[in-house]
N, C-alpha and C. Protein backbone atom coordinates (compact mmCIF):
# COMPACT_ATOMS: atom_id res chain seq x y z
N UNK A 1 121.78 -144.24 88.57
CA UNK A 1 122.81 -143.88 87.60
C UNK A 1 122.97 -142.37 87.52
N UNK A 2 121.85 -141.66 87.62
CA UNK A 2 121.94 -140.20 87.57
C UNK A 2 122.73 -139.63 88.73
N UNK A 3 122.51 -140.19 89.93
CA UNK A 3 123.25 -139.69 91.09
C UNK A 3 124.74 -139.98 90.97
N UNK A 4 125.08 -141.11 90.33
CA UNK A 4 126.49 -141.44 90.13
C UNK A 4 127.16 -140.41 89.23
N UNK A 5 126.47 -140.02 88.16
CA UNK A 5 127.02 -138.99 87.27
C UNK A 5 127.18 -137.66 87.99
N UNK A 6 126.22 -137.33 88.86
CA UNK A 6 126.30 -136.07 89.60
C UNK A 6 127.53 -136.08 90.52
N UNK A 7 127.74 -137.19 91.23
CA UNK A 7 128.88 -137.28 92.14
C UNK A 7 130.19 -137.18 91.36
N UNK A 8 130.30 -137.88 90.24
CA UNK A 8 131.51 -137.82 89.43
C UNK A 8 131.76 -136.42 88.90
N UNK A 9 130.68 -135.77 88.44
CA UNK A 9 130.83 -134.40 87.92
C UNK A 9 131.26 -133.42 88.98
N UNK A 10 130.64 -133.50 90.16
CA UNK A 10 131.01 -132.60 91.26
C UNK A 10 132.45 -132.86 91.70
N UNK A 11 132.84 -134.12 91.73
CA UNK A 11 134.21 -134.46 92.13
C UNK A 11 135.23 -133.87 91.16
N UNK A 12 134.99 -134.02 89.86
CA UNK A 12 135.92 -133.48 88.87
C UNK A 12 135.97 -131.96 88.92
N UNK A 13 134.81 -131.32 89.05
CA UNK A 13 134.77 -129.86 89.11
C UNK A 13 135.46 -129.35 90.37
N UNK A 14 135.21 -130.01 91.49
CA UNK A 14 135.84 -129.59 92.75
C UNK A 14 137.35 -129.73 92.67
N UNK A 15 137.81 -130.83 92.10
CA UNK A 15 139.25 -131.04 91.97
C UNK A 15 139.88 -129.98 91.07
N UNK A 16 139.20 -129.65 89.98
CA UNK A 16 139.73 -128.63 89.08
C UNK A 16 139.78 -127.26 89.72
N UNK A 17 138.72 -126.89 90.42
CA UNK A 17 138.67 -125.57 91.05
C UNK A 17 139.71 -125.45 92.15
N UNK A 18 139.83 -126.48 92.98
CA UNK A 18 140.81 -126.44 94.07
C UNK A 18 142.23 -126.36 93.52
N UNK A 19 142.51 -127.10 92.45
CA UNK A 19 143.86 -127.07 91.87
C UNK A 19 144.19 -125.74 91.24
N UNK A 20 143.16 -125.00 90.77
CA UNK A 20 143.39 -123.69 90.16
C UNK A 20 143.70 -122.63 91.22
N UNK A 21 142.96 -122.66 92.32
CA UNK A 21 143.09 -121.62 93.34
C UNK A 21 144.08 -121.99 94.44
N UNK A 22 144.70 -123.15 94.35
CA UNK A 22 145.71 -123.54 95.33
C UNK A 22 146.93 -124.08 94.58
N UNK A 23 148.07 -124.16 95.24
CA UNK A 23 149.27 -124.72 94.58
C UNK A 23 149.30 -126.25 94.58
N UNK A 24 148.23 -126.88 94.99
CA UNK A 24 148.19 -128.34 95.05
C UNK A 24 148.16 -128.92 93.64
N UNK A 25 149.07 -129.84 93.31
CA UNK A 25 149.14 -130.37 91.94
C UNK A 25 148.04 -131.38 91.66
N UNK A 26 147.43 -131.23 90.47
CA UNK A 26 146.41 -132.18 90.06
C UNK A 26 147.01 -133.44 89.45
N UNK A 27 148.16 -133.31 88.85
CA UNK A 27 148.89 -134.44 88.28
C UNK A 27 150.30 -134.46 88.86
N UNK A 28 150.90 -135.65 88.87
CA UNK A 28 152.25 -135.82 89.39
C UNK A 28 153.19 -136.18 88.25
N UNK A 29 154.31 -135.49 88.18
CA UNK A 29 155.28 -135.76 87.13
C UNK A 29 156.04 -137.05 87.45
N UNK A 30 156.79 -137.52 86.48
CA UNK A 30 157.57 -138.74 86.68
C UNK A 30 158.66 -138.55 87.73
N UNK A 31 159.20 -137.34 87.81
CA UNK A 31 160.22 -137.03 88.82
C UNK A 31 159.55 -136.40 90.03
N UNK A 32 158.78 -137.22 90.73
CA UNK A 32 158.02 -136.72 91.86
C UNK A 32 158.86 -136.72 93.13
N UNK A 33 158.41 -135.92 94.08
CA UNK A 33 159.04 -135.84 95.40
C UNK A 33 157.99 -136.19 96.46
N UNK A 34 158.41 -136.56 97.66
CA UNK A 34 157.44 -136.84 98.72
C UNK A 34 156.50 -135.67 98.99
N UNK A 35 157.02 -134.44 98.86
CA UNK A 35 156.17 -133.27 99.07
C UNK A 35 155.06 -133.20 98.03
N UNK A 36 155.41 -133.46 96.77
CA UNK A 36 154.40 -133.45 95.71
C UNK A 36 153.35 -134.54 95.94
N UNK A 37 153.80 -135.71 96.39
CA UNK A 37 152.85 -136.78 96.68
C UNK A 37 151.88 -136.35 97.79
N UNK A 38 152.42 -135.76 98.85
CA UNK A 38 151.57 -135.31 99.95
C UNK A 38 150.58 -134.24 99.52
N UNK A 39 151.05 -133.27 98.73
CA UNK A 39 150.16 -132.21 98.25
C UNK A 39 149.09 -132.76 97.32
N UNK A 40 149.46 -133.73 96.50
CA UNK A 40 148.49 -134.33 95.58
C UNK A 40 147.42 -135.09 96.34
N UNK A 41 147.81 -135.85 97.36
CA UNK A 41 146.84 -136.58 98.17
C UNK A 41 145.98 -135.62 98.99
N UNK A 42 146.55 -134.49 99.40
CA UNK A 42 145.76 -133.48 100.11
C UNK A 42 144.68 -132.91 99.19
N UNK A 43 145.03 -132.71 97.92
CA UNK A 43 144.05 -132.25 96.94
C UNK A 43 142.91 -133.25 96.82
N UNK A 44 143.26 -134.53 96.75
CA UNK A 44 142.23 -135.56 96.66
C UNK A 44 141.34 -135.56 97.90
N UNK A 45 141.95 -135.40 99.07
CA UNK A 45 141.17 -135.40 100.32
C UNK A 45 140.20 -134.23 100.36
N UNK A 46 140.67 -133.04 99.97
CA UNK A 46 139.78 -131.87 99.95
C UNK A 46 138.66 -132.05 98.94
N UNK A 47 138.98 -132.70 97.83
CA UNK A 47 137.96 -132.95 96.81
C UNK A 47 136.86 -133.86 97.35
N UNK A 48 137.25 -134.91 98.07
CA UNK A 48 136.26 -135.84 98.62
C UNK A 48 135.41 -135.16 99.68
N UNK A 49 136.00 -134.24 100.43
CA UNK A 49 135.22 -133.52 101.44
C UNK A 49 134.16 -132.66 100.77
N UNK A 50 134.53 -131.95 99.69
CA UNK A 50 133.57 -131.10 98.98
C UNK A 50 132.45 -131.94 98.38
N UNK A 51 132.80 -133.09 97.81
CA UNK A 51 131.80 -133.93 97.13
C UNK A 51 131.05 -134.84 98.09
N UNK A 52 131.38 -134.81 99.38
CA UNK A 52 130.80 -135.77 100.31
C UNK A 52 129.30 -135.58 100.46
N UNK A 53 128.83 -134.35 100.42
CA UNK A 53 127.39 -134.11 100.56
C UNK A 53 126.61 -134.80 99.44
N UNK A 54 127.09 -134.69 98.22
CA UNK A 54 126.42 -135.30 97.09
C UNK A 54 126.58 -136.82 97.12
N UNK A 55 127.71 -137.27 97.62
CA UNK A 55 127.94 -138.71 97.77
C UNK A 55 126.94 -139.30 98.75
N UNK A 56 126.71 -138.60 99.85
CA UNK A 56 125.77 -139.09 100.85
C UNK A 56 124.36 -139.14 100.28
N UNK A 57 123.99 -138.12 99.50
CA UNK A 57 122.66 -138.09 98.92
C UNK A 57 122.47 -139.20 97.90
N UNK A 58 123.51 -139.53 97.15
CA UNK A 58 123.41 -140.56 96.12
C UNK A 58 123.15 -141.93 96.72
N UNK A 59 123.57 -142.15 97.98
CA UNK A 59 123.35 -143.44 98.62
C UNK A 59 121.92 -143.61 99.08
N UNK A 60 121.20 -142.50 99.26
CA UNK A 60 119.86 -142.58 99.84
C UNK A 60 118.76 -142.27 98.84
N UNK A 61 119.11 -142.09 97.57
CA UNK A 61 118.09 -141.79 96.57
C UNK A 61 117.24 -143.03 96.30
N UNK A 62 115.91 -142.85 96.38
CA UNK A 62 114.99 -143.94 96.04
C UNK A 62 114.03 -143.48 94.96
N UNK A 63 113.18 -142.52 95.29
CA UNK A 63 112.29 -141.92 94.31
C UNK A 63 112.52 -140.42 94.32
N UNK A 64 111.99 -139.71 93.32
CA UNK A 64 112.32 -138.30 93.15
C UNK A 64 111.91 -137.46 94.34
N UNK A 65 110.75 -137.76 94.95
CA UNK A 65 110.32 -136.98 96.10
C UNK A 65 111.29 -137.14 97.26
N UNK A 66 111.82 -138.37 97.44
CA UNK A 66 112.78 -138.60 98.50
C UNK A 66 114.07 -137.84 98.25
N UNK A 67 114.47 -137.72 96.98
CA UNK A 67 115.69 -137.01 96.65
C UNK A 67 115.59 -135.55 97.06
N UNK A 68 114.49 -134.91 96.72
CA UNK A 68 114.32 -133.50 97.06
C UNK A 68 114.34 -133.31 98.57
N UNK A 69 113.66 -134.19 99.30
CA UNK A 69 113.63 -134.06 100.75
C UNK A 69 115.01 -134.30 101.35
N UNK A 70 115.73 -135.33 100.87
CA UNK A 70 117.05 -135.62 101.41
C UNK A 70 118.02 -134.48 101.13
N UNK A 71 117.95 -133.88 99.93
CA UNK A 71 118.85 -132.79 99.61
C UNK A 71 118.56 -131.57 100.47
N UNK A 72 117.27 -131.28 100.70
CA UNK A 72 116.91 -130.14 101.54
C UNK A 72 117.40 -130.34 102.96
N UNK A 73 117.15 -131.53 103.51
CA UNK A 73 117.60 -131.81 104.86
C UNK A 73 119.13 -131.87 104.94
N UNK A 74 119.75 -132.34 103.86
CA UNK A 74 121.20 -132.43 103.85
C UNK A 74 121.86 -131.07 103.90
N UNK A 75 121.31 -130.10 103.13
CA UNK A 75 121.86 -128.75 103.15
C UNK A 75 121.72 -128.14 104.53
N UNK A 76 120.53 -128.32 105.14
CA UNK A 76 120.34 -127.80 106.50
C UNK A 76 121.27 -128.49 107.48
N UNK A 77 121.56 -129.75 107.23
CA UNK A 77 122.45 -130.52 108.11
C UNK A 77 123.88 -130.01 108.04
N UNK A 78 124.31 -129.62 106.83
CA UNK A 78 125.67 -129.12 106.65
C UNK A 78 125.87 -127.79 107.34
N UNK A 79 124.92 -126.85 107.13
CA UNK A 79 125.09 -125.50 107.68
C UNK A 79 124.58 -125.40 109.11
N UNK A 80 123.99 -126.50 109.64
CA UNK A 80 123.60 -126.52 111.04
C UNK A 80 122.30 -125.82 111.34
N UNK A 81 121.39 -125.72 110.36
CA UNK A 81 120.11 -125.07 110.57
C UNK A 81 119.01 -126.11 110.65
N UNK A 82 117.95 -125.79 111.41
CA UNK A 82 116.81 -126.68 111.48
C UNK A 82 117.04 -127.84 112.43
N UNK A 83 115.99 -128.64 112.57
CA UNK A 83 116.03 -129.81 113.45
C UNK A 83 116.05 -131.06 112.57
N UNK A 84 117.02 -131.95 112.73
CA UNK A 84 117.06 -133.16 111.91
C UNK A 84 115.86 -134.05 112.17
N UNK A 85 115.39 -134.78 111.13
CA UNK A 85 114.22 -135.64 111.28
C UNK A 85 114.53 -136.88 112.10
N UNK A 86 115.80 -137.15 112.34
CA UNK A 86 116.18 -138.32 113.13
C UNK A 86 117.37 -137.97 114.01
N UNK A 87 117.29 -138.38 115.26
CA UNK A 87 118.40 -138.15 116.19
C UNK A 87 119.58 -139.07 115.89
N UNK A 88 119.38 -140.09 115.04
CA UNK A 88 120.45 -141.02 114.71
C UNK A 88 121.35 -140.52 113.58
N UNK A 89 120.98 -139.39 113.00
CA UNK A 89 121.82 -138.82 111.95
C UNK A 89 123.17 -138.40 112.52
N UNK A 90 124.23 -138.86 111.92
CA UNK A 90 125.56 -138.46 112.36
C UNK A 90 125.93 -137.12 111.74
N UNK A 91 126.56 -136.23 112.51
CA UNK A 91 127.00 -134.95 111.92
C UNK A 91 128.07 -135.18 110.88
N UNK A 92 128.17 -134.26 109.93
CA UNK A 92 129.11 -134.44 108.84
C UNK A 92 130.57 -134.54 109.27
N UNK A 93 131.00 -133.83 110.32
CA UNK A 93 132.38 -134.04 110.77
C UNK A 93 132.68 -135.49 111.13
N UNK A 94 131.66 -136.24 111.59
CA UNK A 94 131.87 -137.65 111.93
C UNK A 94 131.98 -138.53 110.69
N UNK A 95 131.54 -138.02 109.55
CA UNK A 95 131.57 -138.79 108.31
C UNK A 95 132.81 -138.50 107.47
N UNK A 96 133.49 -137.40 107.78
CA UNK A 96 134.59 -136.97 106.93
C UNK A 96 135.73 -137.98 106.92
N UNK A 97 136.13 -138.45 108.10
CA UNK A 97 137.32 -139.31 108.18
C UNK A 97 137.14 -140.60 107.38
N UNK A 98 136.02 -141.31 107.59
CA UNK A 98 135.81 -142.58 106.89
C UNK A 98 135.69 -142.37 105.39
N UNK A 99 135.02 -141.29 104.98
CA UNK A 99 134.83 -141.03 103.55
C UNK A 99 136.15 -140.68 102.87
N UNK A 100 136.90 -139.78 103.48
CA UNK A 100 138.18 -139.36 102.90
C UNK A 100 139.18 -140.51 102.93
N UNK A 101 139.19 -141.27 104.02
CA UNK A 101 140.11 -142.41 104.12
C UNK A 101 139.84 -143.43 103.01
N UNK A 102 138.58 -143.74 102.79
CA UNK A 102 138.23 -144.69 101.74
C UNK A 102 138.60 -144.15 100.36
N UNK A 103 138.28 -142.87 100.12
CA UNK A 103 138.57 -142.28 98.81
C UNK A 103 140.06 -142.22 98.50
N UNK A 104 140.85 -141.78 99.48
CA UNK A 104 142.29 -141.65 99.26
C UNK A 104 142.94 -143.03 99.11
N UNK A 105 142.57 -143.98 99.98
CA UNK A 105 143.14 -145.33 99.87
C UNK A 105 142.76 -145.99 98.55
N UNK A 106 141.54 -145.76 98.10
CA UNK A 106 141.11 -146.33 96.82
C UNK A 106 141.91 -145.73 95.67
N UNK A 107 142.15 -144.44 95.73
CA UNK A 107 142.93 -143.77 94.68
C UNK A 107 144.38 -144.26 94.68
N UNK A 108 144.98 -144.36 95.87
CA UNK A 108 146.37 -144.80 95.96
C UNK A 108 146.50 -146.25 95.50
N UNK A 109 145.61 -147.11 95.98
CA UNK A 109 145.69 -148.53 95.62
C UNK A 109 145.49 -148.74 94.12
N UNK A 110 144.48 -148.09 93.55
CA UNK A 110 144.22 -148.25 92.12
C UNK A 110 145.36 -147.69 91.28
N UNK A 111 145.97 -146.59 91.72
CA UNK A 111 147.09 -146.01 90.97
C UNK A 111 148.29 -146.95 90.97
N UNK A 112 148.59 -147.55 92.11
CA UNK A 112 149.73 -148.48 92.20
C UNK A 112 149.49 -149.71 91.33
N UNK A 113 148.30 -150.28 91.42
CA UNK A 113 147.99 -151.47 90.63
C UNK A 113 148.00 -151.15 89.14
N UNK A 114 147.48 -149.99 88.78
CA UNK A 114 147.46 -149.60 87.36
C UNK A 114 148.88 -149.44 86.82
N UNK A 115 149.75 -148.80 87.58
CA UNK A 115 151.14 -148.64 87.15
C UNK A 115 151.83 -150.00 87.03
N UNK A 116 151.54 -150.89 87.95
CA UNK A 116 152.16 -152.21 87.93
C UNK A 116 151.74 -153.01 86.69
N UNK A 117 150.45 -152.96 86.38
CA UNK A 117 149.95 -153.70 85.21
C UNK A 117 150.54 -153.13 83.93
N UNK A 118 150.69 -151.81 83.87
CA UNK A 118 151.24 -151.20 82.67
C UNK A 118 152.71 -151.54 82.46
N UNK A 119 153.38 -152.00 83.51
CA UNK A 119 154.79 -152.38 83.38
C UNK A 119 154.96 -153.80 82.86
N UNK A 120 153.87 -154.58 82.87
CA UNK A 120 153.97 -155.96 82.39
C UNK A 120 154.17 -155.94 80.87
N UNK A 121 155.17 -156.65 80.37
CA UNK A 121 155.41 -156.67 78.92
C UNK A 121 154.19 -157.19 78.17
N UNK A 122 153.93 -156.59 77.03
CA UNK A 122 152.81 -156.99 76.19
C UNK A 122 153.14 -158.29 75.45
N UNK A 123 152.19 -159.21 75.46
CA UNK A 123 152.38 -160.47 74.75
C UNK A 123 151.77 -160.38 73.35
N UNK A 124 152.50 -160.86 72.38
CA UNK A 124 152.02 -160.84 71.00
C UNK A 124 151.09 -162.04 70.78
N UNK A 125 149.91 -161.76 70.27
CA UNK A 125 148.94 -162.82 70.01
C UNK A 125 148.69 -163.03 68.52
N UNK A 126 149.53 -162.43 67.71
CA UNK A 126 149.39 -162.58 66.27
C UNK A 126 150.74 -162.95 65.68
N UNK A 127 150.77 -163.53 64.49
CA UNK A 127 152.02 -164.01 63.92
C UNK A 127 152.88 -162.86 63.43
N UNK A 128 154.14 -163.13 63.18
CA UNK A 128 155.09 -162.08 62.83
C UNK A 128 154.76 -161.42 61.50
N UNK A 129 154.21 -162.16 60.57
CA UNK A 129 153.88 -161.57 59.27
C UNK A 129 152.80 -160.51 59.41
N UNK A 130 151.75 -160.83 60.19
CA UNK A 130 150.69 -159.86 60.42
C UNK A 130 151.21 -158.67 61.20
N UNK A 131 152.12 -158.92 62.12
CA UNK A 131 152.68 -157.83 62.91
C UNK A 131 153.50 -156.88 62.04
N UNK A 132 154.23 -157.42 61.10
CA UNK A 132 155.05 -156.58 60.24
C UNK A 132 154.20 -155.78 59.26
N UNK A 133 153.08 -156.35 58.80
CA UNK A 133 152.27 -155.66 57.80
C UNK A 133 151.38 -154.59 58.39
N UNK A 134 151.06 -154.71 59.66
CA UNK A 134 150.14 -153.73 60.26
C UNK A 134 150.58 -153.36 61.68
N UNK A 135 151.87 -153.22 61.86
CA UNK A 135 152.39 -152.96 63.20
C UNK A 135 151.90 -151.65 63.82
N UNK A 136 151.78 -150.53 63.06
CA UNK A 136 151.29 -149.31 63.72
C UNK A 136 149.89 -149.47 64.29
N UNK A 137 149.00 -150.11 63.54
CA UNK A 137 147.63 -150.29 64.00
C UNK A 137 147.59 -151.20 65.22
N UNK A 138 148.30 -152.34 65.12
CA UNK A 138 148.30 -153.27 66.22
C UNK A 138 148.98 -152.69 67.45
N UNK A 139 149.95 -151.85 67.25
CA UNK A 139 150.61 -151.21 68.40
C UNK A 139 149.63 -150.32 69.15
N UNK A 140 148.82 -149.56 68.41
CA UNK A 140 147.82 -148.72 69.06
C UNK A 140 146.77 -149.56 69.77
N UNK A 141 146.33 -150.64 69.12
CA UNK A 141 145.35 -151.51 69.75
C UNK A 141 145.90 -152.16 71.01
N UNK A 142 147.15 -152.61 70.94
CA UNK A 142 147.77 -153.22 72.12
C UNK A 142 147.87 -152.23 73.27
N UNK A 143 148.30 -151.01 72.95
CA UNK A 143 148.46 -150.00 73.99
C UNK A 143 147.11 -149.64 74.61
N UNK A 144 146.09 -149.49 73.78
CA UNK A 144 144.76 -149.13 74.28
C UNK A 144 144.18 -150.28 75.11
N UNK A 145 144.35 -151.51 74.61
CA UNK A 145 143.83 -152.67 75.32
C UNK A 145 144.53 -152.84 76.66
N UNK A 146 145.83 -152.59 76.69
CA UNK A 146 146.58 -152.71 77.94
C UNK A 146 146.10 -151.69 78.97
N UNK A 147 145.77 -150.47 78.51
CA UNK A 147 145.25 -149.46 79.42
C UNK A 147 143.89 -149.87 79.97
N UNK A 148 143.05 -150.46 79.11
CA UNK A 148 141.74 -150.93 79.57
C UNK A 148 141.90 -152.01 80.64
N UNK A 149 142.80 -152.95 80.38
CA UNK A 149 143.06 -154.02 81.34
C UNK A 149 143.59 -153.45 82.65
N UNK A 150 144.50 -152.48 82.56
CA UNK A 150 145.07 -151.87 83.76
C UNK A 150 144.00 -151.15 84.57
N UNK A 151 143.13 -150.39 83.90
CA UNK A 151 142.07 -149.68 84.60
C UNK A 151 141.09 -150.65 85.26
N UNK A 152 140.75 -151.71 84.53
CA UNK A 152 139.82 -152.70 85.07
C UNK A 152 140.42 -153.41 86.28
N UNK A 153 141.66 -153.85 86.15
CA UNK A 153 142.31 -154.56 87.25
C UNK A 153 142.47 -153.65 88.48
N UNK A 154 142.84 -152.39 88.24
CA UNK A 154 143.02 -151.46 89.35
C UNK A 154 141.71 -151.21 90.08
N UNK A 155 140.64 -151.00 89.32
CA UNK A 155 139.34 -150.74 89.93
C UNK A 155 138.83 -151.96 90.68
N UNK A 156 138.96 -153.14 90.06
CA UNK A 156 138.47 -154.37 90.69
C UNK A 156 139.22 -154.68 91.98
N UNK A 157 140.54 -154.66 91.93
CA UNK A 157 141.35 -154.99 93.10
C UNK A 157 141.12 -153.99 94.24
N UNK A 158 141.03 -152.71 93.90
CA UNK A 158 140.81 -151.69 94.93
C UNK A 158 139.45 -151.86 95.58
N UNK A 159 138.43 -152.14 94.78
CA UNK A 159 137.09 -152.32 95.34
C UNK A 159 137.04 -153.54 96.25
N UNK A 160 137.70 -154.63 95.85
CA UNK A 160 137.69 -155.85 96.67
C UNK A 160 138.46 -155.62 97.98
N UNK A 161 139.64 -155.03 97.89
CA UNK A 161 140.46 -154.83 99.08
C UNK A 161 139.80 -153.88 100.08
N UNK A 162 139.12 -152.86 99.57
CA UNK A 162 138.55 -151.83 100.44
C UNK A 162 137.05 -152.01 100.66
N UNK A 163 136.50 -153.15 100.29
CA UNK A 163 135.06 -153.37 100.45
C UNK A 163 134.63 -153.26 101.92
N UNK A 164 135.37 -153.83 102.89
CA UNK A 164 134.96 -153.66 104.30
C UNK A 164 134.90 -152.20 104.72
N UNK A 165 135.88 -151.40 104.31
CA UNK A 165 135.86 -149.98 104.67
C UNK A 165 134.69 -149.27 104.00
N UNK A 166 134.37 -149.67 102.77
CA UNK A 166 133.24 -149.07 102.07
C UNK A 166 131.93 -149.42 102.79
N UNK A 167 131.83 -150.65 103.29
CA UNK A 167 130.64 -151.06 104.04
C UNK A 167 130.45 -150.19 105.28
N UNK A 168 131.54 -149.94 105.99
CA UNK A 168 131.48 -149.10 107.18
C UNK A 168 131.09 -147.67 106.81
N UNK A 169 131.70 -147.13 105.76
CA UNK A 169 131.40 -145.76 105.34
C UNK A 169 129.94 -145.61 104.93
N UNK A 170 129.43 -146.57 104.16
CA UNK A 170 128.03 -146.52 103.74
C UNK A 170 127.10 -146.61 104.95
N UNK A 171 127.44 -147.48 105.90
CA UNK A 171 126.61 -147.61 107.09
C UNK A 171 126.49 -146.32 107.87
N UNK A 172 127.58 -145.57 107.94
CA UNK A 172 127.55 -144.29 108.66
C UNK A 172 126.75 -143.25 107.89
N UNK A 173 126.86 -143.25 106.56
CA UNK A 173 126.17 -142.26 105.75
C UNK A 173 124.65 -142.44 105.78
N UNK A 174 124.18 -143.66 105.71
CA UNK A 174 122.74 -143.89 105.56
C UNK A 174 122.02 -143.96 106.90
N UNK A 175 122.75 -143.96 108.00
CA UNK A 175 122.10 -144.05 109.31
C UNK A 175 121.22 -142.82 109.55
N UNK A 176 119.98 -143.08 109.94
CA UNK A 176 119.06 -142.00 110.23
C UNK A 176 118.39 -141.41 109.01
N UNK A 177 118.65 -141.93 107.81
CA UNK A 177 118.01 -141.43 106.60
C UNK A 177 116.77 -142.27 106.29
N UNK A 178 116.20 -142.03 105.12
CA UNK A 178 115.00 -142.76 104.72
C UNK A 178 115.34 -144.02 103.94
N UNK A 179 116.55 -144.53 104.11
CA UNK A 179 116.99 -145.67 103.34
C UNK A 179 116.35 -146.96 103.83
N UNK A 180 115.91 -147.80 102.88
CA UNK A 180 115.41 -149.14 103.19
C UNK A 180 116.18 -150.12 102.32
N UNK A 181 116.27 -151.37 102.80
CA UNK A 181 117.00 -152.42 102.10
C UNK A 181 116.04 -153.49 101.63
N UNK A 182 116.13 -153.84 100.35
CA UNK A 182 115.28 -154.91 99.81
C UNK A 182 115.77 -156.26 100.31
N UNK A 183 114.83 -157.12 100.67
CA UNK A 183 115.16 -158.48 101.07
C UNK A 183 115.30 -159.34 99.82
N UNK A 184 116.52 -159.59 99.40
CA UNK A 184 116.73 -160.40 98.20
C UNK A 184 116.53 -161.88 98.48
N UNK A 185 116.45 -162.28 99.76
CA UNK A 185 116.21 -163.68 100.09
C UNK A 185 114.73 -164.04 99.91
N UNK A 186 113.85 -163.18 100.42
CA UNK A 186 112.42 -163.45 100.34
C UNK A 186 111.78 -162.75 99.13
N UNK A 187 112.22 -161.53 98.85
CA UNK A 187 111.78 -160.85 97.64
C UNK A 187 110.51 -160.04 97.76
N UNK A 188 109.90 -159.97 98.94
CA UNK A 188 108.64 -159.22 99.03
C UNK A 188 108.58 -158.31 100.26
N UNK A 189 109.71 -157.99 100.85
CA UNK A 189 109.70 -157.08 101.98
C UNK A 189 110.98 -156.27 102.00
N UNK A 190 110.95 -155.20 102.78
CA UNK A 190 112.12 -154.33 102.91
C UNK A 190 112.42 -154.14 104.39
N UNK A 191 113.68 -153.79 104.66
CA UNK A 191 114.12 -153.56 106.03
C UNK A 191 114.60 -152.12 106.17
N UNK A 192 114.10 -151.39 107.16
CA UNK A 192 114.62 -150.03 107.37
C UNK A 192 115.99 -150.07 108.01
N UNK A 193 116.72 -148.98 107.88
CA UNK A 193 118.04 -148.86 108.49
C UNK A 193 117.88 -148.33 109.91
N UNK A 194 118.09 -149.19 110.90
CA UNK A 194 117.86 -148.82 112.30
C UNK A 194 119.13 -148.94 113.14
N UNK A 195 120.26 -148.60 112.58
CA UNK A 195 121.51 -148.70 113.32
C UNK A 195 121.67 -147.53 114.28
N UNK A 196 122.55 -147.72 115.25
CA UNK A 196 122.80 -146.70 116.27
C UNK A 196 124.30 -146.46 116.42
N UNK A 197 125.02 -146.41 115.32
CA UNK A 197 126.46 -146.20 115.38
C UNK A 197 126.79 -144.79 115.88
N UNK A 198 127.83 -144.71 116.70
CA UNK A 198 128.27 -143.42 117.20
C UNK A 198 129.44 -142.86 116.40
N UNK A 199 130.04 -143.68 115.59
CA UNK A 199 131.18 -143.24 114.78
C UNK A 199 131.78 -144.43 114.07
N UNK A 200 132.91 -144.20 113.43
CA UNK A 200 133.55 -145.24 112.64
C UNK A 200 134.01 -146.40 113.52
N UNK A 201 134.65 -146.11 114.64
CA UNK A 201 135.14 -147.19 115.51
C UNK A 201 134.00 -148.00 116.07
N UNK A 202 132.93 -147.33 116.50
CA UNK A 202 131.78 -148.04 117.04
C UNK A 202 131.11 -148.89 115.96
N UNK A 203 131.08 -148.39 114.73
CA UNK A 203 130.50 -149.15 113.62
C UNK A 203 131.29 -150.43 113.37
N UNK A 204 132.60 -150.32 113.35
CA UNK A 204 133.46 -151.50 113.13
C UNK A 204 133.26 -152.52 114.24
N UNK A 205 133.29 -152.07 115.50
CA UNK A 205 133.14 -152.99 116.63
C UNK A 205 131.76 -153.65 116.64
N UNK A 206 130.71 -152.88 116.33
CA UNK A 206 129.35 -153.42 116.35
C UNK A 206 129.16 -154.48 115.27
N UNK A 207 129.63 -154.19 114.06
CA UNK A 207 129.50 -155.17 112.98
C UNK A 207 130.27 -156.44 113.31
N UNK A 208 131.46 -156.27 113.89
CA UNK A 208 132.28 -157.44 114.22
C UNK A 208 131.63 -158.28 115.30
N UNK A 209 131.02 -157.64 116.30
CA UNK A 209 130.41 -158.38 117.40
C UNK A 209 129.10 -159.03 117.00
N UNK A 210 128.26 -158.32 116.26
CA UNK A 210 126.91 -158.80 115.95
C UNK A 210 126.87 -159.68 114.71
N UNK A 211 127.72 -159.41 113.72
CA UNK A 211 127.63 -160.12 112.45
C UNK A 211 128.89 -160.90 112.09
N UNK A 212 129.96 -160.67 112.82
CA UNK A 212 131.20 -161.35 112.51
C UNK A 212 131.93 -160.70 111.34
N UNK A 213 133.01 -161.34 110.92
CA UNK A 213 133.82 -160.78 109.84
C UNK A 213 133.03 -160.68 108.54
N UNK A 214 132.15 -161.65 108.30
CA UNK A 214 131.36 -161.63 107.06
C UNK A 214 130.42 -160.44 107.00
N UNK A 215 130.15 -159.82 108.14
CA UNK A 215 129.29 -158.64 108.14
C UNK A 215 129.87 -157.48 107.37
N UNK A 216 131.20 -157.45 107.25
CA UNK A 216 131.84 -156.37 106.48
C UNK A 216 131.71 -156.59 104.98
N UNK A 217 131.24 -157.77 104.58
CA UNK A 217 131.12 -158.10 103.16
C UNK A 217 129.66 -158.21 102.73
N UNK A 218 128.76 -157.53 103.44
CA UNK A 218 127.36 -157.51 103.03
C UNK A 218 127.25 -156.83 101.66
N UNK A 219 126.55 -157.47 100.74
CA UNK A 219 126.40 -156.91 99.41
C UNK A 219 127.53 -157.28 98.45
N UNK A 220 128.43 -158.15 98.90
CA UNK A 220 129.57 -158.50 98.05
C UNK A 220 129.11 -159.29 96.81
N UNK A 221 128.05 -160.07 96.96
CA UNK A 221 127.53 -160.80 95.80
C UNK A 221 127.05 -159.86 94.72
N UNK A 222 126.36 -158.79 95.12
CA UNK A 222 125.93 -157.79 94.14
C UNK A 222 127.11 -157.11 93.46
N UNK A 223 128.17 -156.89 94.23
CA UNK A 223 129.37 -156.30 93.65
C UNK A 223 130.01 -157.21 92.62
N UNK A 224 130.04 -158.51 92.90
CA UNK A 224 130.61 -159.47 91.94
C UNK A 224 129.81 -159.47 90.64
N UNK A 225 128.46 -159.44 90.75
CA UNK A 225 127.62 -159.37 89.56
C UNK A 225 127.90 -158.10 88.77
N UNK A 226 128.06 -156.99 89.48
CA UNK A 226 128.38 -155.73 88.82
C UNK A 226 129.71 -155.82 88.07
């Protein structure tokens, strides 16, 4: 949970700083143009690139000692200093495309779904007398509840639609790190991450050949519980 807060904080700060020092818009007005849309998505892409280092570390955090080691090696990995502890570690340029693609598509999909849900007319669930006596309060509750539903639906649908891409992105990030996977079937052993992906395309082809289509949905049960 702590790493999630760190990633969210870095993402928000990076987006704010980039929007201040560049003409890229952080918000889009109702009278938008294709240029504004492109610049806004470019801002999102740059933000994901800046936050990618922390995102990668958050996927591999296990215990505090591992966090310090992963962060130290990660910094050296970014600036190109030192010798990596594993030859299977993918360089950060190889991780940028999958990470940015997933982030931008998730943002676009969730924004579209959220706007669509907010356009659905609100249904009254109380009688007319109660509505007339407390309409301002109920109007605020309806509006707030509708926003909650829109945010929930947007997040859920985007996560489900982009789950295969997220699986690929995570696989590339954790390759060559100290990440282990708990065996939820047996409950008393762990599996190390021993993949040999060369990039996003190779990861997709390997998962499809070795595990089939269902291989892209590993961990989907945990997502449903979440």
